């Protein structure tokens, strides 16, 4: 029996896939639990329309993310840190520090989107990638400098 999956299923497939399963499995498990619907012509058209709408939404989000990436690339990011002897930093600059800086600049970026491999522990200039959407990454130049006020 052909069914259209409404939800991802580990052994059968992903949502919106048309799959062939045994009749009993479809009637007794997938359809009653709302995991799948029969692959009728009407359901196929509905799935195609839903996929088109999802694709349009994804394209709009991607375009917005690319525009945001261009804006983020132009922002000068300078983070001042306290240092001790020999310019040794106290603590480190992490993803939350960078996300907080971007928040002050007017960008709502989640700290999990900041793709730092490890916290910054030395003064200098760093190129930090920020994942904005599936295929869109922004590049932010971060200057970690000594705080002269302390």
C-alpha atoms as a PDB file:
ATOM      1  CA  UNK A   1       0.000   0.000   0.000  1.00  0.00           C
ATOM      2  CA  UNK A   2       1.277   3.459  -0.850  1.00  0.00           C
ATOM      3  CA  UNK A   3       1.133   6.052   1.925  1.00  0.00           C
ATOM      4  CA  UNK A   4       2.324   9.618   2.351  1.00  0.00           C
ATOM      5  CA  UNK A   5       4.205  10.240   5.581  1.00  0.00           C
ATOM      6  CA  UNK A   6       3.003  13.207   7.630  1.00  0.00           C
ATOM      7  CA  UNK A   7       5.869  12.915  10.136  1.00  0.00           C
ATOM      8  CA  UNK A   8       9.412  11.604  10.058  1.00  0.00           C
ATOM      9  CA  UNK A   9       9.630   7.925  10.932  1.00  0.00           C
ATOM     10  CA  UNK A  10      12.971   6.274  11.683  1.00  0.00           C
ATOM     11  CA  UNK A  11      12.401   3.072   9.727  1.00  0.00           C
ATOM     12  CA  UNK A  12      10.016   4.190   6.985  1.00  0.00           C
ATOM     13  CA  UNK A  13      11.154   7.637   5.803  1.00  0.00           C
ATOM     14  CA  UNK A  14      10.853  11.380   6.189  1.00  0.00           C
ATOM     15  CA  UNK A  15       7.803  13.607   6.190  1.00  0.00           C
ATOM     16  CA  UNK A  16       6.195  14.192   2.766  1.00  0.00           C
ATOM     17  CA  UNK A  17       7.743  10.998   1.313  1.00  0.00           C
ATOM     18  CA  UNK A  18       5.542   8.594  -0.631  1.00  0.00           C
ATOM     19  CA  UNK A  19       6.465   5.087   0.499  1.00  0.00           C
ATOM     20  CA  UNK A  20       5.193   1.571  -0.073  1.00  0.00           C
ATOM     21  CA  UNK A  21       4.501  -0.445   3.087  1.00  0.00           C
ATOM     22  CA  UNK A  22       2.541  -3.578   3.851  1.00  0.00           C
ATOM     23  CA  UNK A  23      -1.227  -3.079   4.029  1.00  0.00           C
ATOM     24  CA  UNK A  24      -1.552  -4.171   7.663  1.00  0.00           C
ATOM     25  CA  UNK A  25       1.291  -1.917   8.824  1.00  0.00           C
ATOM     26  CA  UNK A  26      -0.329   1.063   7.140  1.00  0.00           C
ATOM     27  CA  UNK A  27      -3.902   0.327   8.314  1.00  0.00           C
ATOM     28  CA  UNK A  28      -3.073  -0.763  11.866  1.00  0.00           C
ATOM     29  CA  UNK A  29      -0.093   1.418  12.794  1.00  0.00           C
ATOM     30  CA  UNK A  30       0.831   4.342  10.523  1.00  0.00           C
ATOM     31  CA  UNK A  31      -2.617   5.726   9.635  1.00  0.00           C
ATOM     32  CA  UNK A  32      -4.282   5.427  13.111  1.00  0.00           C
ATOM     33  CA  UNK A  33      -1.315   7.115  14.797  1.00  0.00           C
ATOM     34  CA  UNK A  34      -1.369  10.020  12.334  1.00  0.00           C
ATOM     35  CA  UNK A  35       2.071   9.197  10.934  1.00  0.00           C
ATOM     36  CA  UNK A  36       0.782   8.660   7.391  1.00  0.00           C
ATOM     37  CA  UNK A  37      -2.226   9.103   5.122  1.00  0.00           C
ATOM     38  CA  UNK A  38      -3.252   6.971   2.126  1.00  0.00           C
ATOM     39  CA  UNK A  39      -1.602   8.100  -1.116  1.00  0.00           C
ATOM     40  CA  UNK A  40      -4.756   9.221  -2.898  1.00  0.00           C
ATOM     41  CA  UNK A  41      -4.666  11.745  -5.725  1.00  0.00           C
ATOM     42  CA  UNK A  42      -6.042  14.492  -3.484  1.00  0.00           C
ATOM     43  CA  UNK A  43      -3.463  13.808  -0.783  1.00  0.00           C
ATOM     44  CA  UNK A  44      -0.664  13.824  -3.373  1.00  0.00           C
ATOM     45  CA  UNK A  45      -1.763  17.257  -4.637  1.00  0.00           C
ATOM     46  CA  UNK A  46      -1.960  18.553  -1.065  1.00  0.00           C
ATOM     47  CA  UNK A  47       1.577  17.311  -0.374  1.00  0.00           C
ATOM     48  CA  UNK A  48       2.911  18.905  -3.553  1.00  0.00           C
ATOM     49  CA  UNK A  49       1.296  22.219  -2.596  1.00  0.00           C
ATOM     50  CA  UNK A  50       2.703  22.004   0.937  1.00  0.00           C
ATOM     51  CA  UNK A  51       6.178  21.320  -0.477  1.00  0.00           C
ATOM     52  CA  UNK A  52       5.916  24.341  -2.807  1.00  0.00           C
ATOM     53  CA  UNK A  53       4.878  26.565   0.086  1.00  0.00           C
ATOM     54  CA  UNK A  54       7.683  25.239   2.284  1.00  0.00           C
ATOM     55  CA  UNK A  55      10.174  25.874  -0.516  1.00  0.00           C
ATOM     56  CA  UNK A  56       8.950  29.465  -0.921  1.00  0.00           C
ATOM     57  CA  UNK A  57       9.202  30.046   2.832  1.00  0.00           C
ATOM     58  CA  UNK A  58      12.694  28.599   2.828  1.00  0.00           C
ATOM     59  CA  UNK A  59      13.748  30.847  -0.068  1.00  0.00           C
ATOM     60  CA  UNK A  60      12.420  33.928   1.748  1.00  0.00           C
ATOM     61  CA  UNK A  61      14.240  32.989   4.958  1.00  0.00           C
ATOM     62  CA  UNK A  62      17.416  32.322   3.010  1.00  0.00           C
ATOM     63  CA  UNK A  63      17.230  35.712   1.279  1.00  0.00           C
ATOM     64  CA  UNK A  64      16.642  37.445   4.615  1.00  0.00           C
ATOM     65  CA  UNK A  65      19.574  35.559   6.133  1.00  0.00           C
ATOM     66  CA  UNK A  66      21.856  36.595   3.251  1.00  0.00           C
ATOM     67  CA  UNK A  67      20.877  40.233   3.769  1.00  0.00           C
ATOM     68  CA  UNK A  68      21.537  39.892   7.497  1.00  0.00           C
ATOM     69  CA  UNK A  69      24.909  38.262   6.775  1.00  0.00           C
ATOM     70  CA  UNK A  70      25.927  41.264   4.658  1.00  0.00           C
ATOM     71  CA  UNK A  71      24.975  43.628   7.500  1.00  0.00           C
ATOM     72  CA  UNK A  72      26.816  41.561  10.122  1.00  0.00           C
ATOM     73  CA  UNK A  73      29.976  41.477   7.999  1.00  0.00           C
ATOM     74  CA  UNK A  74      30.104  45.293   8.103  1.00  0.00           C
ATOM     75  CA  UNK A  75      29.828  45.539  11.908  1.00  0.00           C
ATOM     76  CA  UNK A  76      33.134  46.224  13.696  1.00  0.00           C
ATOM     77  CA  UNK A  77      33.230  43.929  16.724  1.00  0.00           C
ATOM     78  CA  UNK A  78      35.645  44.984  19.448  1.00  0.00           C
ATOM     79  CA  UNK A  79      35.524  43.159  22.756  1.00  0.00           C
ATOM     80  CA  UNK A  80      37.543  44.602  25.625  1.00  0.00           C
ATOM     81  CA  UNK A  81      38.901  42.180  28.202  1.00  0.00           C
ATOM     82  CA  UNK A  82      40.838  42.469  31.428  1.00  0.00           C
ATOM     83  CA  UNK A  83      44.438  41.297  31.182  1.00  0.00           C
ATOM     84  CA  UNK A  84      47.202  40.637  33.658  1.00  0.00           C
ATOM     85  CA  UNK A  85      50.955  40.520  33.258  1.00  0.00           C
ATOM     86  CA  UNK A  86      52.317  39.773  29.786  1.00  0.00           C
ATOM     87  CA  UNK A  87      48.872  40.534  28.331  1.00  0.00           C
ATOM     88  CA  UNK A  88      47.471  37.286  29.721  1.00  0.00           C
ATOM     89  CA  UNK A  89      43.650  37.332  29.614  1.00  0.00           C
ATOM     90  CA  UNK A  90      41.486  36.702  32.657  1.00  0.00           C
ATOM     91  CA  UNK A  91      38.874  34.236  31.410  1.00  0.00           C
ATOM     92  CA  UNK A  92      37.970  33.978  27.737  1.00  0.00           C
ATOM     93  CA  UNK A  93      35.647  35.317  25.053  1.00  0.00           C
ATOM     94  CA  UNK A  94      32.940  32.798  24.210  1.00  0.00           C
ATOM     95  CA  UNK A  95      29.877  32.458  22.050  1.00  0.00           C
ATOM     96  CA  UNK A  96      27.637  34.200  24.574  1.00  0.00           C
ATOM     97  CA  UNK A  97      29.947  37.246  24.640  1.00  0.00           C
ATOM     98  CA  UNK A  98      29.799  37.560  20.860  1.00  0.00           C
ATOM     99  CA  UNK A  99      26.008  37.020  20.785  1.00  0.00           C
ATOM    100  CA  UNK A 100      25.627  39.649  23.523  1.00  0.00           C
ATOM    101  CA  UNK A 101      27.712  42.127  21.505  1.00  0.00           C
ATOM    102  CA  UNK A 102      25.570  41.507  18.415  1.00  0.00           C
ATOM    103  CA  UNK A 103      22.436  41.961  20.539  1.00  0.00           C
ATOM    104  CA  UNK A 104      23.677  45.410  21.601  1.00  0.00           C
ATOM    105  CA  UNK A 105      24.207  46.236  17.924  1.00  0.00           C
ATOM    106  CA  UNK A 106      20.588  45.326  17.153  1.00  0.00           C
ATOM    107  CA  UNK A 107      21.002  41.787  15.787  1.00  0.00           C
ATOM    108  CA  UNK A 108      19.050  39.005  17.491  1.00  0.00           C
ATOM    109  CA  UNK A 109      21.489  36.113  17.188  1.00  0.00           C
ATOM    110  CA  UNK A 110      21.297  32.999  19.347  1.00  0.00           C
ATOM    111  CA  UNK A 111      24.596  32.050  20.973  1.00  0.00           C
ATOM    112  CA  UNK A 112      24.315  28.597  19.428  1.00  0.00           C
ATOM    113  CA  UNK A 113      24.528  30.192  15.977  1.00  0.00           C
ATOM    114  CA  UNK A 114      28.028  31.498  16.752  1.00  0.00           C
ATOM    115  CA  UNK A 115      30.341  28.771  15.442  1.00  0.00           C
ATOM    116  CA  UNK A 116      33.399  29.173  17.690  1.00  0.00           C
ATOM    117  CA  UNK A 117      35.383  25.951  17.883  1.00  0.00           C
ATOM    118  CA  UNK A 118      36.807  26.939  21.259  1.00  0.00           C
ATOM    119  CA  UNK A 119      36.712  30.082  23.398  1.00  0.00           C
ATOM    120  CA  UNK A 120      39.136  32.871  22.504  1.00  0.00           C
ATOM    121  CA  UNK A 121      41.881  33.033  25.152  1.00  0.00           C
ATOM    122  CA  UNK A 122      44.364  35.469  23.594  1.00  0.00           C
ATOM    123  CA  UNK A 123      44.310  39.045  22.355  1.00  0.00           C
ATOM    124  CA  UNK A 124      44.075  39.437  18.590  1.00  0.00           C
ATOM    125  CA  UNK A 125      41.808  39.486  15.564  1.00  0.00           C
ATOM    126  CA  UNK A 126      39.597  36.482  14.860  1.00  0.00           C
ATOM    127  CA  UNK A 127      37.241  35.544  12.039  1.00  0.00           C
ATOM    128  CA  UNK A 128      34.124  34.045  13.625  1.00  0.00           C
ATOM    129  CA  UNK A 129      31.492  32.312  11.446  1.00  0.00           C
ATOM    130  CA  UNK A 130      27.833  32.724  12.390  1.00  0.00           C
ATOM    131  CA  UNK A 131      25.279  30.211  11.076  1.00  0.00           C
ATOM    132  CA  UNK A 132      22.178  32.218  10.153  1.00  0.00           C
ATOM    133  CA  UNK A 133      20.265  29.646   8.094  1.00  0.00           C
ATOM    134  CA  UNK A 134      20.854  26.173   6.632  1.00  0.00           C
ATOM    135  CA  UNK A 135      23.158  27.358   3.866  1.00  0.00           C
ATOM    136  CA  UNK A 136      23.934  30.934   4.986  1.00  0.00           C
ATOM    137  CA  UNK A 137      26.912  31.856   7.142  1.00  0.00           C
ATOM    138  CA  UNK A 138      28.055  35.318   8.107  1.00  0.00           C
ATOM    139  CA  UNK A 139      31.664  36.128   8.853  1.00  0.00           C
ATOM    140  CA  UNK A 140      32.318  38.468  11.774  1.00  0.00           C
ATOM    141  CA  UNK A 141      35.737  39.964  12.489  1.00  0.00           C
ATOM    142  CA  UNK A 142      36.251  40.054  16.247  1.00  0.00           C
ATOM    143  CA  UNK A 143      38.973  42.189  17.757  1.00  0.00           C
ATOM    144  CA  UNK A 144      39.856  41.129  21.291  1.00  0.00           C
ATOM    145  CA  UNK A 145      41.715  44.029  22.885  1.00  0.00           C
ATOM    146  CA  UNK A 146      43.016  45.026  26.298  1.00  0.00           C
ATOM    147  CA  UNK A 147      40.655  47.103  28.443  1.00  0.00           C
ATOM    148  CA  UNK A 148      42.673  50.253  29.167  1.00  0.00           C
ATOM    149  CA  UNK A 149      40.269  51.498  31.860  1.00  0.00           C
ATOM    150  CA  UNK A 150      41.266  48.858  34.397  1.00  0.00           C
END
